[in-house]
Structure formats: structure tokens, C-alpha cells
PDB file of all heavy atoms in Angstrom:
ATOM      1  N   THR A   1      87.546   6.202 145.863  1.00  0.00           N
ATOM      2  CA  THR A   1      88.401   6.396 147.003  1.00  0.00           C
ATOM      3  C   THR A   1      88.877   4.976 147.422  1.00  0.00           C
ATOM      4  O   THR A   1      88.132   3.963 147.408  1.00  0.00           O
ATOM      5  CB  THR A   1      87.594   6.988 148.195  1.00  0.00           C
ATOM      6  OG1 THR A   1      87.077   8.236 147.699  1.00  0.00           O
ATOM      7  CG2 THR A   1      88.540   7.185 149.425  1.00  0.00           C
ATOM      8  N   ASN A   2      90.130   4.884 147.896  1.00  0.00           N
ATOM      9  CA  ASN A   2      90.713   3.566 148.295  1.00  0.00           C
ATOM     10  C   ASN A   2      89.911   2.956 149.451  1.00  0.00           C
ATOM     11  O   ASN A   2      89.907   1.751 149.581  1.00  0.00           O
ATOM     12  CB  ASN A   2      92.162   3.739 148.695  1.00  0.00           C
ATOM     13  CG  ASN A   2      93.090   4.104 147.510  1.00  0.00           C
ATOM     14  OD1 ASN A   2      92.721   3.746 146.358  1.00  0.00           O
ATOM     15  ND2 ASN A   2      94.162   4.727 147.742  1.00  0.00           N
ATOM     16  N   ALA A   3      89.267   3.781 150.255  1.00  0.00           N
ATOM     17  CA  ALA A   3      88.532   3.212 151.404  1.00  0.00           C
ATOM     18  C   ALA A   3      87.244   2.527 151.022  1.00  0.00           C
ATOM     19  O   ALA A   3      86.604   1.823 151.784  1.00  0.00           O
ATOM     20  CB  ALA A   3      88.270   4.329 152.448  1.00  0.00           C
ATOM     21  N   VAL A   4      86.816   2.752 149.744  1.00  0.00           N
ATOM     22  CA  VAL A   4      85.521   2.230 149.358  1.00  0.00           C
ATOM     23  C   VAL A   4      85.776   0.931 148.585  1.00  0.00           C
ATOM     24  O   VAL A   4      86.662   0.803 147.740  1.00  0.00           O
ATOM     25  CB  VAL A   4      84.825   3.230 148.413  1.00  0.00           C
ATOM     26  CG1 VAL A   4      83.539   2.661 147.871  1.00  0.00           C
ATOM     27  CG2 VAL A   4      84.537   4.504 149.193  1.00  0.00           C
ATOM     28  N   GLY A   5      84.897  -0.113 148.878  1.00  0.00           N
ATOM     29  CA  GLY A   5      85.043  -1.349 148.222  1.00  0.00           C
ATOM     30  C   GLY A   5      84.679  -1.348 146.778  1.00  0.00           C
ATOM     31  O   GLY A   5      84.086  -0.309 146.252  1.00  0.00           O
ATOM     32  N   ASP A   6      84.891  -2.482 146.094  1.00  0.00           N
ATOM     33  CA  ASP A   6      84.516  -2.546 144.609  1.00  0.00           C
ATOM     34  C   ASP A   6      83.058  -2.432 144.412  1.00  0.00           C
ATOM     35  O   ASP A   6      82.201  -2.772 145.316  1.00  0.00           O
ATOM     36  CB  ASP A   6      85.139  -3.810 144.073  1.00  0.00           C
ATOM     37  CG  ASP A   6      86.647  -3.908 144.074  1.00  0.00           C
ATOM     38  OD1 ASP A   6      87.183  -2.815 144.019  1.00  0.00           O
ATOM     39  OD2 ASP A   6      87.146  -5.017 144.167  1.00  0.00           O
ATOM     40  N   LEU A   7      82.722  -2.156 143.178  1.00  0.00           N
ATOM     41  CA  LEU A   7      81.296  -2.110 142.792  1.00  0.00           C
ATOM     42  C   LEU A   7      80.687  -3.498 142.952  1.00  0.00           C
ATOM     43  O   LEU A   7      81.277  -4.518 142.551  1.00  0.00           O
ATOM     44  CB  LEU A   7      81.205  -1.683 141.289  1.00  0.00           C
ATOM     45  CG  LEU A   7      79.790  -1.727 140.706  1.00  0.00           C
ATOM     46  CD1 LEU A   7      78.857  -0.665 141.292  1.00  0.00           C
ATOM     47  CD2 LEU A   7      79.883  -1.586 139.189  1.00  0.00           C
ATOM     48  N   GLN A   8      79.508  -3.528 143.569  1.00  0.00           N
ATOM     49  CA  GLN A   8      78.795  -4.757 143.842  1.00  0.00           C
ATOM     50  C   GLN A   8      77.513  -4.862 142.924  1.00  0.00           C
ATOM     51  O   GLN A   8      76.586  -4.070 143.136  1.00  0.00           O
ATOM     52  CB  GLN A   8      78.362  -4.922 145.301  1.00  0.00           C
ATOM     53  CG  GLN A   8      79.495  -4.860 146.212  1.00  0.00           C
ATOM     54  CD  GLN A   8      80.505  -6.064 146.071  1.00  0.00           C
ATOM     55  OE1 GLN A   8      80.079  -7.196 145.753  1.00  0.00           O
ATOM     56  NE2 GLN A   8      81.766  -5.778 146.323  1.00  0.00           N
ATOM     57  N   LEU A   9      77.553  -5.650 141.896  1.00  0.00           N
ATOM     58  CA  LEU A   9      76.367  -5.876 140.951  1.00  0.00           C
ATOM     59  C   LEU A   9      76.084  -7.303 140.864  1.00  0.00           C
ATOM     60  O   LEU A   9      76.015  -7.856 139.742  1.00  0.00           O
ATOM     61  CB  LEU A   9      76.670  -5.240 139.552  1.00  0.00           C
ATOM     62  CG  LEU A   9      76.643  -3.741 139.461  1.00  0.00           C
ATOM     63  CD1 LEU A   9      76.886  -3.336 137.994  1.00  0.00           C
ATOM     64  CD2 LEU A   9      75.437  -3.097 139.991  1.00  0.00           C
ATOM     65  N   SER A  10      75.874  -7.962 142.009  1.00  0.00           N
ATOM     66  CA  SER A  10      75.478  -9.367 141.935  1.00  0.00           C
ATOM     67  C   SER A  10      74.445  -9.645 142.912  1.00  0.00           C
ATOM     68  O   SER A  10      74.295  -8.967 143.941  1.00  0.00           O
ATOM     69  CB  SER A  10      76.700 -10.271 142.235  1.00  0.00           C
ATOM     70  OG  SER A  10      77.152 -10.100 143.571  1.00  0.00           O
ATOM     71  N   SER A  11      73.578 -10.678 142.674  1.00  0.00           N
ATOM     72  CA  SER A  11      72.541 -11.003 143.633  1.00  0.00           C
ATOM     73  C   SER A  11      73.097 -11.429 144.964  1.00  0.00           C
ATOM     74  O   SER A  11      72.458 -11.219 146.038  1.00  0.00           O
ATOM     75  CB  SER A  11      71.668 -12.076 143.029  1.00  0.00           C
ATOM     76  OG  SER A  11      72.395 -13.262 142.713  1.00  0.00           O
ATOM     77  N   ALA A  12      74.249 -12.058 145.005  1.00  0.00           N
ATOM     78  CA  ALA A  12      74.835 -12.498 146.212  1.00  0.00           C
ATOM     79  C   ALA A  12      75.272 -11.360 147.143  1.00  0.00           C
ATOM     80  O   ALA A  12      75.133 -11.409 148.359  1.00  0.00           O
ATOM     81  CB  ALA A  12      76.028 -13.495 145.951  1.00  0.00           C
ATOM     82  N   ALA A  13      75.801 -10.316 146.492  1.00  0.00           N
ATOM     83  CA  ALA A  13      76.329  -9.171 147.233  1.00  0.00           C
ATOM     84  C   ALA A  13      75.238  -8.175 147.599  1.00  0.00           C
ATOM     85  O   ALA A  13      75.265  -7.594 148.687  1.00  0.00           O
ATOM     86  CB  ALA A  13      77.406  -8.465 146.421  1.00  0.00           C
ATOM     87  N   VAL A  14      74.298  -7.963 146.718  1.00  0.00           N
ATOM     88  CA  VAL A  14      73.278  -6.904 146.878  1.00  0.00           C
ATOM     89  C   VAL A  14      71.913  -7.489 147.376  1.00  0.00           C
ATOM     90  O   VAL A  14      71.331  -6.983 148.280  1.00  0.00           O
ATOM     91  CB  VAL A  14      73.051  -6.161 145.566  1.00  0.00           C
ATOM     92  CG1 VAL A  14      71.921  -5.188 145.753  1.00  0.00           C
ATOM     93  CG2 VAL A  14      74.280  -5.508 145.092  1.00  0.00           C
ATOM     94  N   GLY A  15      71.552  -8.623 146.793  1.00  0.00           N
ATOM     95  CA  GLY A  15      70.205  -9.199 147.126  1.00  0.00           C
ATOM     96  C   GLY A  15      70.098  -9.862 148.422  1.00  0.00           C
ATOM     97  O   GLY A  15      69.886 -11.055 148.513  1.00  0.00           O
ATOM     98  N   GLN A  16      70.284  -9.146 149.507  1.00  0.00           N
ATOM     99  CA  GLN A  16      70.180  -9.681 150.847  1.00  0.00           C
ATOM    100  C   GLN A  16      69.005  -9.062 151.582  1.00  0.00           C
ATOM    101  O   GLN A  16      68.531  -7.995 151.196  1.00  0.00           O
ATOM    102  CB  GLN A  16      71.468  -9.406 151.591  1.00  0.00           C
ATOM    103  CG  GLN A  16      72.724  -9.966 150.861  1.00  0.00           C
ATOM    104  CD  GLN A  16      73.998  -9.513 151.560  1.00  0.00           C
ATOM    105  OE1 GLN A  16      73.973  -8.876 152.584  1.00  0.00           O
ATOM    106  NE2 GLN A  16      75.108  -9.814 150.899  1.00  0.00           N
ATOM    107  N   ASP A  17      68.601  -9.682 152.674  1.00  0.00           N
ATOM    108  CA  ASP A  17      67.497  -9.145 153.480  1.00  0.00           C
ATOM    109  C   ASP A  17      67.903  -7.885 154.072  1.00  0.00           C
ATOM    110  O   ASP A  17      68.880  -7.828 154.849  1.00  0.00           O
ATOM    111  CB  ASP A  17      67.077 -10.167 154.589  1.00  0.00           C
ATOM    112  CG  ASP A  17      65.956  -9.696 155.447  1.00  0.00           C
ATOM    113  OD1 ASP A  17      65.397  -8.641 155.081  1.00  0.00           O
ATOM    114  OD2 ASP A  17      65.701 -10.335 156.422  1.00  0.00           O
ATOM    115  N   SER A  18      67.198  -6.769 153.764  1.00  0.00           N
ATOM    116  CA  SER A  18      67.557  -5.492 154.303  1.00  0.00           C
ATOM    117  C   SER A  18      67.152  -5.211 155.703  1.00  0.00           C
ATOM    118  O   SER A  18      67.527  -4.228 156.344  1.00  0.00           O
ATOM    119  CB  SER A  18      67.031  -4.405 153.386  1.00  0.00           C
ATOM    120  OG  SER A  18      65.586  -4.386 153.544  1.00  0.00           O
ATOM    121  N   GLN A  19      66.266  -6.115 156.279  1.00  0.00           N
ATOM    122  CA  GLN A  19      65.785  -5.974 157.598  1.00  0.00           C
ATOM    123  C   GLN A  19      65.086  -4.625 157.786  1.00  0.00           C
ATOM    124  O   GLN A  19      65.127  -4.020 158.896  1.00  0.00           O
ATOM    125  CB  GLN A  19      66.837  -6.200 158.660  1.00  0.00           C
ATOM    126  CG  GLN A  19      67.500  -7.518 158.615  1.00  0.00           C
ATOM    127  CD  GLN A  19      68.504  -7.748 159.708  1.00  0.00           C
ATOM    128  OE1 GLN A  19      68.461  -7.064 160.749  1.00  0.00           O
ATOM    129  NE2 GLN A  19      69.452  -8.624 159.500  1.00  0.00           N
ATOM    130  N   SER A  20      64.490  -4.034 156.710  1.00  0.00           N
ATOM    131  CA  SER A  20      63.897  -2.782 156.757  1.00  0.00           C
ATOM    132  C   SER A  20      62.346  -2.876 156.828  1.00  0.00           C
ATOM    133  O   SER A  20      61.779  -3.756 156.234  1.00  0.00           O
ATOM    134  CB  SER A  20      64.314  -1.929 155.555  1.00  0.00           C
ATOM    135  OG  SER A  20      63.593  -0.738 155.485  1.00  0.00           O
ATOM    136  N   SER A  21      61.732  -1.979 157.542  1.00  0.00           N
ATOM    137  CA  SER A  21      60.323  -1.985 157.655  1.00  0.00           C
ATOM    138  C   SER A  21      59.698  -1.108 156.516  1.00  0.00           C
ATOM    139  O   SER A  21      58.444  -1.020 156.382  1.00  0.00           O
ATOM    140  CB  SER A  21      59.871  -1.356 158.999  1.00  0.00           C
ATOM    141  OG  SER A  21      60.328   0.002 159.097  1.00  0.00           O
ATOM    142  N   VAL A  22      60.533  -0.604 155.659  1.00  0.00           N
ATOM    143  CA  VAL A  22      60.022   0.223 154.566  1.00  0.00           C
ATOM    144  C   VAL A  22      59.359  -0.694 153.510  1.00  0.00           C
ATOM    145  O   VAL A  22      59.895  -1.675 153.084  1.00  0.00           O
ATOM    146  CB  VAL A  22      61.216   1.022 153.922  1.00  0.00           C
ATOM    147  CG1 VAL A  22      60.709   1.746 152.628  1.00  0.00           C
ATOM    148  CG2 VAL A  22      61.869   1.916 154.876  1.00  0.00           C
ATOM    149  N   ALA A  23      58.159  -0.296 153.093  1.00  0.00           N
ATOM    150  CA  ALA A  23      57.461  -1.075 152.051  1.00  0.00           C
ATOM    151  C   ALA A  23      58.210  -0.844 150.803  1.00  0.00           C
ATOM    152  O   ALA A  23      58.418   0.319 150.390  1.00  0.00           O
ATOM    153  CB  ALA A  23      56.058  -0.599 151.918  1.00  0.00           C
ATOM    154  N   ALA A  24      58.710  -1.867 150.160  1.00  0.00           N
ATOM    155  CA  ALA A  24      59.600  -1.795 149.058  1.00  0.00           C
ATOM    156  C   ALA A  24      58.876  -1.443 147.752  1.00  0.00           C
ATOM    157  O   ALA A  24      58.643  -0.249 147.449  1.00  0.00           O
ATOM    158  CB  ALA A  24      60.425  -3.032 148.898  1.00  0.00           C
ATOM    159  N   ILE A  25      58.475  -2.426 146.993  1.00  0.00           N
ATOM    160  CA  ILE A  25      57.960  -2.226 145.646  1.00  0.00           C
ATOM    161  C   ILE A  25      56.458  -2.431 145.614  1.00  0.00           C
ATOM    162  O   ILE A  25      55.947  -3.508 146.064  1.00  0.00           O
ATOM    163  CB  ILE A  25      58.658  -3.164 144.685  1.00  0.00           C
ATOM    164  CG1 ILE A  25      60.173  -2.931 144.685  1.00  0.00           C
ATOM    165  CG2 ILE A  25      58.068  -2.901 143.267  1.00  0.00           C
ATOM    166  CD1 ILE A  25      60.936  -3.813 143.780  1.00  0.00           C
ATOM    167  N   PRO A  26      55.678  -1.462 145.090  1.00  0.00           N
ATOM    168  CA  PRO A  26      54.228  -1.634 144.949  1.00  0.00           C
ATOM    169  C   PRO A  26      53.878  -2.739 143.982  1.00  0.00           C
ATOM    170  O   PRO A  26      54.767  -3.110 143.197  1.00  0.00           O
ATOM    171  CB  PRO A  26      53.764  -0.305 144.506  1.00  0.00           C
ATOM    172  CG  PRO A  26      54.899   0.358 143.853  1.00  0.00           C
ATOM    173  CD  PRO A  26      56.118  -0.132 144.605  1.00  0.00           C
ATOM    174  N   GLU A  27      52.681  -3.214 144.009  1.00  0.00           N
ATOM    175  CA  GLU A  27      52.244  -4.329 143.199  1.00  0.00           C
ATOM    176  C   GLU A  27      52.257  -3.942 141.727  1.00  0.00           C
ATOM    177  O   GLU A  27      52.548  -4.778 140.822  1.00  0.00           O
ATOM    178  CB  GLU A  27      50.867  -4.860 143.594  1.00  0.00           C
ATOM    179  CG  GLU A  27      50.847  -5.540 144.891  1.00  0.00           C
ATOM    180  CD  GLU A  27      51.640  -6.864 144.931  1.00  0.00           C
ATOM    181  OE1 GLU A  27      51.724  -7.574 143.866  1.00  0.00           O
ATOM    182  OE2 GLU A  27      52.260  -7.173 145.990  1.00  0.00           O
ATOM    183  N   ASP A  28      51.971  -2.734 141.392  1.00  0.00           N
ATOM    184  CA  ASP A  28      51.903  -2.309 140.047  1.00  0.00           C
ATOM    185  C   ASP A  28      52.325  -0.799 139.931  1.00  0.00           C
ATOM    186  O   ASP A  28      52.514  -0.141 140.946  1.00  0.00           O
ATOM    187  CB  ASP A  28      50.573  -2.550 139.322  1.00  0.00           C
ATOM    188  CG  ASP A  28      49.449  -1.959 140.119  1.00  0.00           C
ATOM    189  OD1 ASP A  28      49.686  -0.990 140.896  1.00  0.00           O
ATOM    190  OD2 ASP A  28      48.346  -2.549 140.079  1.00  0.00           O
ATOM    191  N   GLY A  29      52.449  -0.299 138.690  1.00  0.00           N
ATOM    192  CA  GLY A  29      52.778   1.079 138.503  1.00  0.00           C
ATOM    193  C   GLY A  29      54.278   1.303 138.525  1.00  0.00           C
ATOM    194  O   GLY A  29      55.085   0.345 138.695  1.00  0.00           O
ATOM    195  N   PRO A  30      54.731   2.541 138.422  1.00  0.00           N
ATOM    196  CA  PRO A  30      56.163   2.852 138.365  1.00  0.00           C
ATOM    197  C   PRO A  30      56.855   2.572 139.696  1.00  0.00           C
ATOM    198  O   PRO A  30      56.229   2.609 140.726  1.00  0.00           O
ATOM    199  CB  PRO A  30      56.183   4.333 137.959  1.00  0.00           C
ATOM    200  CG  PRO A  30      54.859   4.833 138.414  1.00  0.00           C
ATOM    201  CD  PRO A  30      53.867   3.708 138.249  1.00  0.00           C
ATOM    202  N   ILE A  31      58.107   2.244 139.611  1.00  0.00           N
ATOM    203  CA  ILE A  31      58.930   2.027 140.754  1.00  0.00           C
ATOM    204  C   ILE A  31      59.852   3.265 141.020  1.00  0.00           C
ATOM    205  O   ILE A  31      60.757   3.515 140.222  1.00  0.00           O
ATOM    206  CB  ILE A  31      59.786   0.749 140.619  1.00  0.00           C
ATOM    207  CG1 ILE A  31      58.943  -0.467 140.310  1.00  0.00           C
ATOM    208  CG2 ILE A  31      60.679   0.543 141.885  1.00  0.00           C
ATOM    209  CD1 ILE A  31      59.692  -1.696 139.982  1.00  0.00           C
ATOM    210  N   ASP A  32      59.551   4.000 142.058  1.00  0.00           N
ATOM    211  CA  ASP A  32      60.353   5.214 142.359  1.00  0.00           C
ATOM    212  C   ASP A  32      61.276   4.883 143.497  1.00  0.00           C
ATOM    213  O   ASP A  32      60.883   4.577 144.599  1.00  0.00           O
ATOM    214  CB  ASP A  32      59.428   6.383 142.817  1.00  0.00           C
ATOM    215  CG  ASP A  32      58.569   6.854 141.655  1.00  0.00           C
ATOM    216  OD1 ASP A  32      59.071   6.880 140.479  1.00  0.00           O
ATOM    217  OD2 ASP A  32      57.353   7.176 141.851  1.00  0.00           O
ATOM    218  N   ILE A  33      62.587   4.925 143.150  1.00  0.00           N
ATOM    219  CA  ILE A  33      63.652   4.608 144.214  1.00  0.00           C
ATOM    220  C   ILE A  33      64.156   5.855 144.776  1.00  0.00           C
ATOM    221  O   ILE A  33      64.719   6.711 144.079  1.00  0.00           O
ATOM    222  CB  ILE A  33      64.712   3.773 143.527  1.00  0.00           C
ATOM    223  CG1 ILE A  33      64.117   2.563 142.848  1.00  0.00           C
ATOM    224  CG2 ILE A  33      65.755   3.344 144.599  1.00  0.00           C
ATOM    225  CD1 ILE A  33      65.141   1.691 142.133  1.00  0.00           C
ATOM    226  N   GLU A  34      64.015   6.032 146.073  1.00  0.00           N
ATOM    227  CA  GLU A  34      64.547   7.224 146.804  1.00  0.00           C
ATOM    228  C   GLU A  34      65.552   6.787 147.849  1.00  0.00           C
ATOM    229  O   GLU A  34      65.689   5.552 148.125  1.00  0.00           O
ATOM    230  CB  GLU A  34      63.365   8.010 147.396  1.00  0.00           C
ATOM    231  CG  GLU A  34      62.300   8.408 146.372  1.00  0.00           C
ATOM    232  CD  GLU A  34      61.102   9.039 147.040  1.00  0.00           C
ATOM    233  OE1 GLU A  34      60.919   8.878 148.250  1.00  0.00           O
ATOM    234  OE2 GLU A  34      60.309   9.705 146.302  1.00  0.00           O
ATOM    235  N   SER A  35      66.095   7.732 148.552  1.00  0.00           N
ATOM    236  CA  SER A  35      67.113   7.419 149.508  1.00  0.00           C
ATOM    237  C   SER A  35      66.542   6.504 150.640  1.00  0.00           C
ATOM    238  O   SER A  35      67.151   5.523 151.068  1.00  0.00           O
ATOM    239  CB  SER A  35      67.701   8.666 150.189  1.00  0.00           C
ATOM    240  OG  SER A  35      68.416   9.399 149.257  1.00  0.00           O
ATOM    241  N   GLY A  36      65.339   6.732 151.021  1.00  0.00           N
ATOM    242  CA  GLY A  36      64.732   5.975 152.193  1.00  0.00           C
ATOM    243  C   GLY A  36      64.397   4.568 151.831  1.00  0.00           C
ATOM    244  O   GLY A  36      64.327   3.740 152.677  1.00  0.00           O
ATOM    245  N   ASN A  37      64.154   4.280 150.541  1.00  0.00           N
ATOM    246  CA  ASN A  37      63.760   2.906 150.149  1.00  0.00           C
ATOM    247  C   ASN A  37      64.822   2.298 149.207  1.00  0.00           C
ATOM    248  O   ASN A  37      64.530   1.168 148.682  1.00  0.00           O
ATOM    249  CB  ASN A  37      62.342   2.866 149.535  1.00  0.00           C
ATOM    250  CG  ASN A  37      62.267   3.709 148.246  1.00  0.00           C
ATOM    251  OD1 ASN A  37      63.256   4.056 147.633  1.00  0.00           O
ATOM    252  ND2 ASN A  37      61.036   3.998 147.822  1.00  0.00           N
TER     253      ASN A  37
END
């Protein structure tokens, strides 16, 4: 859609502080990515 910006696949664009209280990645084991995290 024209209203949506270009795909962002860079650390500068994506890798920012999310200011989220959600515990992100566990120390070990599989990484399950869901909508909330």
C-alpha cells in the first residue's frame, strides 16, 4: 500500500529501544516470537 513505508531490514531502522516492559529473549532455548513480544 502506498501509505506504508519501505521495508526496514537494518539495525539503524529496527534495532532501537522498544521501551517495552516485555521480557524479550530468554537466556537459552528456542526463541518464540509472538505479537506481544
